[in-house]
Amino acid sequence: MGRGRAKAKQTKVARALKYGGPQTDLDRLQAELGSSAPSSEPLDDSVDVVEDPYADDPYAKYYDDEDDSKG
């Protein structure tokens, strides 16, 4: 017994957090992130080429992907 009161309090707290949470100060957040002015530097759109990690493996030529389903 006594569970009803505790559950009611938890429900009240959960509703307060869900619907009436603290308001976000967007100006302060922007200042913290340091993005007050947009960068005049253009973005680098180049793509990094990822090398094959198994290129130096002498046994890679013997491995066949389709032989994995033996069973």
PDB file of N, CA and C in Angstrom:
ATOM      1  N   MET A   1       0.830  -1.184   0.000  1.00  0.00           N
ATOM      2  CA  MET A   1       0.000   0.000   0.000  1.00  0.00           C
ATOM      3  C   MET A   1       0.878   1.252   0.000  1.00  0.00           C
ATOM      4  N   GLY A   2       0.264   2.380  -0.272  1.00  0.00           N
ATOM      5  CA  GLY A   2       1.009   3.622  -0.303  1.00  0.00           C
ATOM      6  C   GLY A   2       1.628   3.900  -1.663  1.00  0.00           C
ATOM      7  N   ARG A   3       1.373   3.036  -2.611  1.00  0.00           N
ATOM      8  CA  ARG A   3       1.969   3.197  -3.940  1.00  0.00           C
ATOM      9  C   ARG A   3       1.265   4.301  -4.728  1.00  0.00           C
ATOM     10  N   GLY A   4       0.002   4.544  -4.478  1.00  0.00           N
ATOM     11  CA  GLY A   4      -0.770   5.516  -5.241  1.00  0.00           C
ATOM     12  C   GLY A   4      -0.222   6.923  -5.154  1.00  0.00           C
ATOM     13  N   ARG A   5       0.185   7.315  -3.972  1.00  0.00           N
ATOM     14  CA  ARG A   5       0.695   8.659  -3.771  1.00  0.00           C
ATOM     15  C   ARG A   5       2.030   8.858  -4.493  1.00  0.00           C
ATOM     16  N   ALA A   6       2.914   7.862  -4.414  1.00  0.00           N
ATOM     17  CA  ALA A   6       4.219   7.947  -5.077  1.00  0.00           C
ATOM     18  C   ALA A   6       4.046   7.966  -6.597  1.00  0.00           C
ATOM     19  N   LYS A   7       3.126   7.137  -7.085  1.00  0.00           N
ATOM     20  CA  LYS A   7       2.893   7.088  -8.530  1.00  0.00           C
ATOM     21  C   LYS A   7       2.312   8.406  -9.027  1.00  0.00           C
ATOM     22  N   ALA A   8       1.422   8.991  -8.253  1.00  0.00           N
ATOM     23  CA  ALA A   8       0.824  10.266  -8.638  1.00  0.00           C
ATOM     24  C   ALA A   8       1.890  11.362  -8.713  1.00  0.00           C
ATOM     25  N   LYS A   9       2.813  11.334  -7.757  1.00  0.00           N
ATOM     26  CA  LYS A   9       3.881  12.334  -7.773  1.00  0.00           C
ATOM     27  C   LYS A   9       4.796  12.126  -8.982  1.00  0.00           C
ATOM     28  N   GLN A  10       5.134  10.866  -9.297  1.00  0.00           N
ATOM     29  CA  GLN A  10       5.969  10.586 -10.460  1.00  0.00           C
ATOM     30  C   GLN A  10       5.277  11.028 -11.739  1.00  0.00           C
ATOM     31  N   THR A  11       3.964  10.794 -11.830  1.00  0.00           N
ATOM     32  CA  THR A  11       3.206  11.200 -13.008  1.00  0.00           C
ATOM     33  C   THR A  11       3.212  12.725 -13.141  1.00  0.00           C
ATOM     34  N   LYS A  12       3.065  13.407 -12.031  1.00  0.00           N
ATOM     35  CA  LYS A  12       3.058  14.875 -12.042  1.00  0.00           C
ATOM     36  C   LYS A  12       4.410  15.415 -12.511  1.00  0.00           C
ATOM     37  N   VAL A  13       5.484  14.839 -12.003  1.00  0.00           N
ATOM     38  CA  VAL A  13       6.823  15.278 -12.387  1.00  0.00           C
ATOM     39  C   VAL A  13       7.073  14.984 -13.866  1.00  0.00           C
ATOM     40  N   ALA A  14       6.661  13.801 -14.329  1.00  0.00           N
ATOM     41  CA  ALA A  14       6.861  13.434 -15.727  1.00  0.00           C
ATOM     42  C   ALA A  14       6.100  14.369 -16.659  1.00  0.00           C
ATOM     43  N   ARG A  15       4.884  14.710 -16.306  1.00  0.00           N
ATOM     44  CA  ARG A  15       4.104  15.637 -17.135  1.00  0.00           C
ATOM     45  C   ARG A  15       4.735  17.025 -17.154  1.00  0.00           C
ATOM     46  N   ALA A  16       5.243  17.460 -16.011  1.00  0.00           N
ATOM     47  CA  ALA A  16       5.884  18.777 -15.946  1.00  0.00           C
ATOM     48  C   ALA A  16       7.117  18.811 -16.844  1.00  0.00           C
ATOM     49  N   LEU A  17       7.889  17.715 -16.851  1.00  0.00           N
ATOM     50  CA  LEU A  17       9.074  17.673 -17.705  1.00  0.00           C
ATOM     51  C   LEU A  17       8.706  17.591 -19.177  1.00  0.00           C
ATOM     52  N   LYS A  18       7.658  16.829 -19.479  1.00  0.00           N
ATOM     53  CA  LYS A  18       7.275  16.623 -20.872  1.00  0.00           C
ATOM     54  C   LYS A  18       6.668  17.878 -21.493  1.00  0.00           C
ATOM     55  N   TYR A  19       5.776  18.525 -20.778  1.00  0.00           N
ATOM     56  CA  TYR A  19       5.033  19.638 -21.365  1.00  0.00           C
ATOM     57  C   TYR A  19       5.514  21.014 -20.939  1.00  0.00           C
ATOM     58  N   GLY A  20       6.165  21.124 -19.822  1.00  0.00           N
ATOM     59  CA  GLY A  20       6.554  22.443 -19.337  1.00  0.00           C
ATOM     60  C   GLY A  20       8.023  22.526 -19.020  1.00  0.00           C
ATOM     61  N   GLY A  21       8.849  21.878 -19.817  1.00  0.00           N
ATOM     62  CA  GLY A  21      10.281  21.877 -19.568  1.00  0.00           C
ATOM     63  C   GLY A  21      10.881  23.251 -19.713  1.00  0.00           C
ATOM     64  N   PRO A  22      12.135  23.372 -19.368  1.00  0.00           N
ATOM     65  CA  PRO A  22      12.800  24.681 -19.462  1.00  0.00           C
ATOM     66  C   PRO A  22      12.883  25.141 -20.911  1.00  0.00           C
ATOM     67  N   GLN A  23      12.763  26.432 -21.094  1.00  0.00           N
ATOM     68  CA  GLN A  23      12.851  27.013 -22.430  1.00  0.00           C
ATOM     69  C   GLN A  23      14.320  27.153 -22.818  1.00  0.00           C
ATOM     70  N   THR A  24      14.636  26.827 -24.041  1.00  0.00           N
ATOM     71  CA  THR A  24      16.012  26.895 -24.524  1.00  0.00           C
ATOM     72  C   THR A  24      16.333  28.325 -24.944  1.00  0.00           C
ATOM     73  N   ASP A  25      17.435  28.829 -24.433  1.00  0.00           N
ATOM     74  CA  ASP A  25      17.908  30.152 -24.798  1.00  0.00           C
ATOM     75  C   ASP A  25      18.802  29.997 -26.033  1.00  0.00           C
ATOM     76  N   LEU A  26      18.227  30.217 -27.203  1.00  0.00           N
ATOM     77  CA  LEU A  26      18.940  29.973 -28.449  1.00  0.00           C
ATOM     78  C   LEU A  26      20.107  30.924 -28.667  1.00  0.00           C
ATOM     79  N   ASP A  27      19.977  32.161 -28.204  1.00  0.00           N
ATOM     80  CA  ASP A  27      21.074  33.116 -28.354  1.00  0.00           C
ATOM     81  C   ASP A  27      22.287  32.683 -27.539  1.00  0.00           C
ATOM     82  N   ARG A  28      22.038  32.205 -26.329  1.00  0.00           N
ATOM     83  CA  ARG A  28      23.139  31.742 -25.479  1.00  0.00           C
ATOM     84  C   ARG A  28      23.774  30.481 -26.072  1.00  0.00           C
ATOM     85  N   LEU A  29      22.953  29.587 -26.610  1.00  0.00           N
ATOM     86  CA  LEU A  29      23.459  28.374 -27.227  1.00  0.00           C
ATOM     87  C   LEU A  29      24.342  28.699 -28.427  1.00  0.00           C
ATOM     88  N   GLN A  30      23.890  29.652 -29.236  1.00  0.00           N
ATOM     89  CA  GLN A  30      24.662  30.059 -30.403  1.00  0.00           C
ATOM     90  C   GLN A  30      26.000  30.661 -29.978  1.00  0.00           C
ATOM     91  N   ALA A  31      25.996  31.428 -28.901  1.00  0.00           N
ATOM     92  CA  ALA A  31      27.231  32.029 -28.405  1.00  0.00           C
ATOM     93  C   ALA A  31      28.176  30.954 -27.875  1.00  0.00           C
ATOM     94  N   GLU A  32      27.626  29.934 -27.205  1.00  0.00           N
ATOM     95  CA  GLU A  32      28.455  28.850 -26.683  1.00  0.00           C
ATOM     96  C   GLU A  32      29.098  28.056 -27.799  1.00  0.00           C
ATOM     97  N   LEU A  33      28.356  27.838 -28.864  1.00  0.00           N
ATOM     98  CA  LEU A  33      28.883  27.055 -29.971  1.00  0.00           C
ATOM     99  C   LEU A  33      29.860  27.847 -30.823  1.00  0.00           C
ATOM    100  N   GLY A  34      29.878  29.161 -30.638  1.00  0.00           N
ATOM    101  CA  GLY A  34      30.839  29.992 -31.348  1.00  0.00           C
ATOM    102  C   GLY A  34      30.477  30.218 -32.797  1.00  0.00           C
ATOM    103  N   SER A  35      29.229  30.075 -33.130  1.00  0.00           N
ATOM    104  CA  SER A  35      28.809  30.257 -34.522  1.00  0.00           C
ATOM    105  C   SER A  35      27.976  31.521 -34.667  1.00  0.00           C
ATOM    106  N   SER A  36      28.463  32.609 -34.087  1.00  0.00           N
ATOM    107  CA  SER A  36      27.692  33.845 -34.138  1.00  0.00           C
ATOM    108  C   SER A  36      27.639  34.424 -35.546  1.00  0.00           C
ATOM    109  N   ALA A  37      28.692  34.205 -36.339  1.00  0.00           N
ATOM    110  CA  ALA A  37      28.698  34.686 -37.718  1.00  0.00           C
ATOM    111  C   ALA A  37      29.033  33.513 -38.637  1.00  0.00           C
ATOM    112  N   PRO A  38      28.355  33.414 -39.759  1.00  0.00           N
ATOM    113  CA  PRO A  38      28.668  32.319 -40.667  1.00  0.00           C
ATOM    114  C   PRO A  38      30.081  32.460 -41.226  1.00  0.00           C
ATOM    115  N   SER A  39      30.697  31.336 -41.452  1.00  0.00           N
ATOM    116  CA  SER A  39      32.066  31.325 -41.956  1.00  0.00           C
ATOM    117  C   SER A  39      32.087  31.762 -43.410  1.00  0.00           C
ATOM    118  N   SER A  40      33.057  32.622 -43.760  1.00  0.00           N
ATOM    119  CA  SER A  40      33.174  33.071 -45.137  1.00  0.00           C
ATOM    120  C   SER A  40      33.988  32.085 -45.965  1.00  0.00           C
ATOM    121  N   GLU A  41      34.545  31.075 -45.299  1.00  0.00           N
ATOM    122  CA  GLU A  41      35.348  30.065 -45.972  1.00  0.00           C
ATOM    123  C   GLU A  41      34.432  29.045 -46.644  1.00  0.00           C
ATOM    124  N   PRO A  42      34.629  28.764 -47.931  1.00  0.00           N
ATOM    125  CA  PRO A  42      33.774  27.766 -48.583  1.00  0.00           C
ATOM    126  C   PRO A  42      34.073  26.367 -48.055  1.00  0.00           C
ATOM    127  N   LEU A  43      33.060  25.527 -48.079  1.00  0.00           N
ATOM    128  CA  LEU A  43      33.225  24.159 -47.621  1.00  0.00           C
ATOM    129  C   LEU A  43      33.988  23.343 -48.650  1.00  0.00           C
ATOM    130  N   ASP A  44      34.778  22.417 -48.178  1.00  0.00           N
ATOM    131  CA  ASP A  44      35.541  21.539 -49.061  1.00  0.00           C
ATOM    132  C   ASP A  44      34.647  20.377 -49.451  1.00  0.00           C
ATOM    133  N   ASP A  45      34.279  20.285 -50.725  1.00  0.00           N
ATOM    134  CA  ASP A  45      33.381  19.244 -51.199  1.00  0.00           C
ATOM    135  C   ASP A  45      34.116  18.027 -51.738  1.00  0.00           C
ATOM    136  N   SER A  46      35.430  17.989 -51.597  1.00  0.00           N
ATOM    137  CA  SER A  46      36.172  16.855 -52.124  1.00  0.00           C
ATOM    138  C   SER A  46      35.875  15.610 -51.295  1.00  0.00           C
ATOM    139  N   VAL A  47      36.005  14.469 -51.923  1.00  0.00           N
ATOM    140  CA  VAL A  47      35.717  13.198 -51.282  1.00  0.00           C
ATOM    141  C   VAL A  47      37.038  12.502 -50.995  1.00  0.00           C
ATOM    142  N   ASP A  48      37.193  12.036 -49.766  1.00  0.00           N
ATOM    143  CA  ASP A  48      38.397  11.297 -49.424  1.00  0.00           C
ATOM    144  C   ASP A  48      38.319   9.901 -50.020  1.00  0.00           C
ATOM    145  N   VAL A  49      39.389   9.470 -50.639  1.00  0.00           N
ATOM    146  CA  VAL A  49      39.444   8.144 -51.233  1.00  0.00           C
ATOM    147  C   VAL A  49      39.927   7.176 -50.161  1.00  0.00           C
ATOM    148  N   VAL A  50      39.139   6.143 -49.922  1.00  0.00           N
ATOM    149  CA  VAL A  50      39.493   5.143 -48.929  1.00  0.00           C
ATOM    150  C   VAL A  50      40.210   4.005 -49.642  1.00  0.00           C
ATOM    151  N   GLU A  51      41.407   3.730 -49.182  1.00  0.00           N
ATOM    152  CA  GLU A  51      42.185   2.668 -49.800  1.00  0.00           C
ATOM    153  C   GLU A  51      41.692   1.311 -49.310  1.00  0.00           C
ATOM    154  N   ASP A  52      41.917   0.296 -50.112  1.00  0.00           N
ATOM    155  CA  ASP A  52      41.524  -1.063 -49.768  1.00  0.00           C
ATOM    156  C   ASP A  52      42.440  -1.570 -48.658  1.00  0.00           C
ATOM    157  N   PRO A  53      41.879  -1.904 -47.489  1.00  0.00           N
ATOM    158  CA  PRO A  53      42.738  -2.352 -46.389  1.00  0.00           C
ATOM    159  C   PRO A  53      43.380  -3.716 -46.665  1.00  0.00           C
ATOM    160  N   TYR A  54      42.833  -4.462 -47.624  1.00  0.00           N
ATOM    161  CA  TYR A  54      43.366  -5.787 -47.927  1.00  0.00           C
ATOM    162  C   TYR A  54      44.209  -5.802 -49.201  1.00  0.00           C
ATOM    163  N   ALA A  55      44.618  -4.650 -49.673  1.00  0.00           N
ATOM    164  CA  ALA A  55      45.383  -4.570 -50.912  1.00  0.00           C
ATOM    165  C   ALA A  55      46.732  -5.273 -50.787  1.00  0.00           C
ATOM    166  N   ASP A  56      47.334  -5.249 -49.612  1.00  0.00           N
ATOM    167  CA  ASP A  56      48.637  -5.868 -49.407  1.00  0.00           C
ATOM    168  C   ASP A  56      48.541  -7.316 -48.953  1.00  0.00           C
ATOM    169  N   ASP A  57      47.340  -7.843 -48.773  1.00  0.00           N
ATOM    170  CA  ASP A  57      47.151  -9.204 -48.292  1.00  0.00           C
ATOM    171  C   ASP A  57      47.414 -10.200 -49.423  1.00  0.00           C
ATOM    172  N   PRO A  58      48.433 -11.047 -49.284  1.00  0.00           N
ATOM    173  CA  PRO A  58      48.740 -11.987 -50.370  1.00  0.00           C
ATOM    174  C   PRO A  58      47.691 -13.084 -50.537  1.00  0.00           C
ATOM    175  N   TYR A  59      46.863 -13.302 -49.511  1.00  0.00           N
ATOM    176  CA  TYR A  59      45.857 -14.362 -49.581  1.00  0.00           C
ATOM    177  C   TYR A  59      44.493 -13.854 -50.018  1.00  0.00           C
ATOM    178  N   ALA A  60      44.357 -12.564 -50.247  1.00  0.00           N
ATOM    179  CA  ALA A  60      43.064 -12.000 -50.629  1.00  0.00           C
ATOM    180  C   ALA A  60      42.562 -12.562 -51.948  1.00  0.00           C
ATOM    181  N   LYS A  61      43.465 -12.917 -52.851  1.00  0.00           N
ATOM    182  CA  LYS A  61      43.037 -13.438 -54.146  1.00  0.00           C
ATOM    183  C   LYS A  61      42.405 -14.824 -54.025  1.00  0.00           C
ATOM    184  N   TYR A  62      42.666 -15.540 -52.916  1.00  0.00           N
ATOM    185  CA  TYR A  62      42.099 -16.872 -52.720  1.00  0.00           C
ATOM    186  C   TYR A  62      40.740 -16.832 -52.032  1.00  0.00           C
ATOM    187  N   TYR A  63      40.370 -15.705 -51.498  1.00  0.00           N
ATOM    188  CA  TYR A  63      39.112 -15.570 -50.775  1.00  0.00           C
ATOM    189  C   TYR A  63      38.002 -15.218 -51.734  1.00  0.00           C
ATOM    190  N   ASP A  64      36.931 -16.003 -51.686  1.00  0.00           N
ATOM    191  CA  ASP A  64      35.772 -15.772 -52.567  1.00  0.00           C
ATOM    192  C   ASP A  64      34.576 -15.444 -51.674  1.00  0.00           C
ATOM    193  N   ASP A  65      33.934 -14.305 -51.880  1.00  0.00           N
ATOM    194  CA  ASP A  65      32.813 -13.883 -51.051  1.00  0.00           C
ATOM    195  C   ASP A  65      31.638 -14.840 -51.122  1.00  0.00           C
ATOM    196  N   GLU A  66      31.440 -15.517 -52.219  1.00  0.00           N
ATOM    197  CA  GLU A  66      30.263 -16.355 -52.371  1.00  0.00           C
ATOM    198  C   GLU A  66      30.424 -17.716 -51.722  1.00  0.00           C
ATOM    199  N   ASP A  67      31.618 -18.083 -51.254  1.00  0.00           N
ATOM    200  CA  ASP A  67      31.822 -19.345 -50.575  1.00  0.00           C
ATOM    201  C   ASP A  67      31.491 -19.270 -49.096  1.00  0.00           C
ATOM    202  N   ASP A  68      31.059 -18.097 -48.598  1.00  0.00           N
ATOM    203  CA  ASP A  68      30.740 -17.934 -47.182  1.00  0.00           C
ATOM    204  C   ASP A  68      29.541 -18.754 -46.750  1.00  0.00           C
ATOM    205  N   SER A  69      28.625 -19.043 -47.638  1.00  0.00           N
ATOM    206  CA  SER A  69      27.369 -19.690 -47.249  1.00  0.00           C
ATOM    207  C   SER A  69      27.444 -21.216 -47.340  1.00  0.00           C
ATOM    208  N   LYS A  70      28.606 -21.789 -47.165  1.00  0.00           N
ATOM    209  CA  LYS A  70      28.727 -23.247 -47.125  1.00  0.00           C
ATOM    210  C   LYS A  70      28.130 -23.751 -45.834  1.00  0.00           C
ATOM    211  N   GLY A  71      27.364 -24.768 -45.937  1.00  0.00           N
ATOM    212  CA  GLY A  71      26.848 -25.234 -44.665  1.00  0.00           C
ATOM    213  C   GLY A  71      25.951 -26.319 -44.782  1.00  0.00           C
TER     214      GLY A  71
END
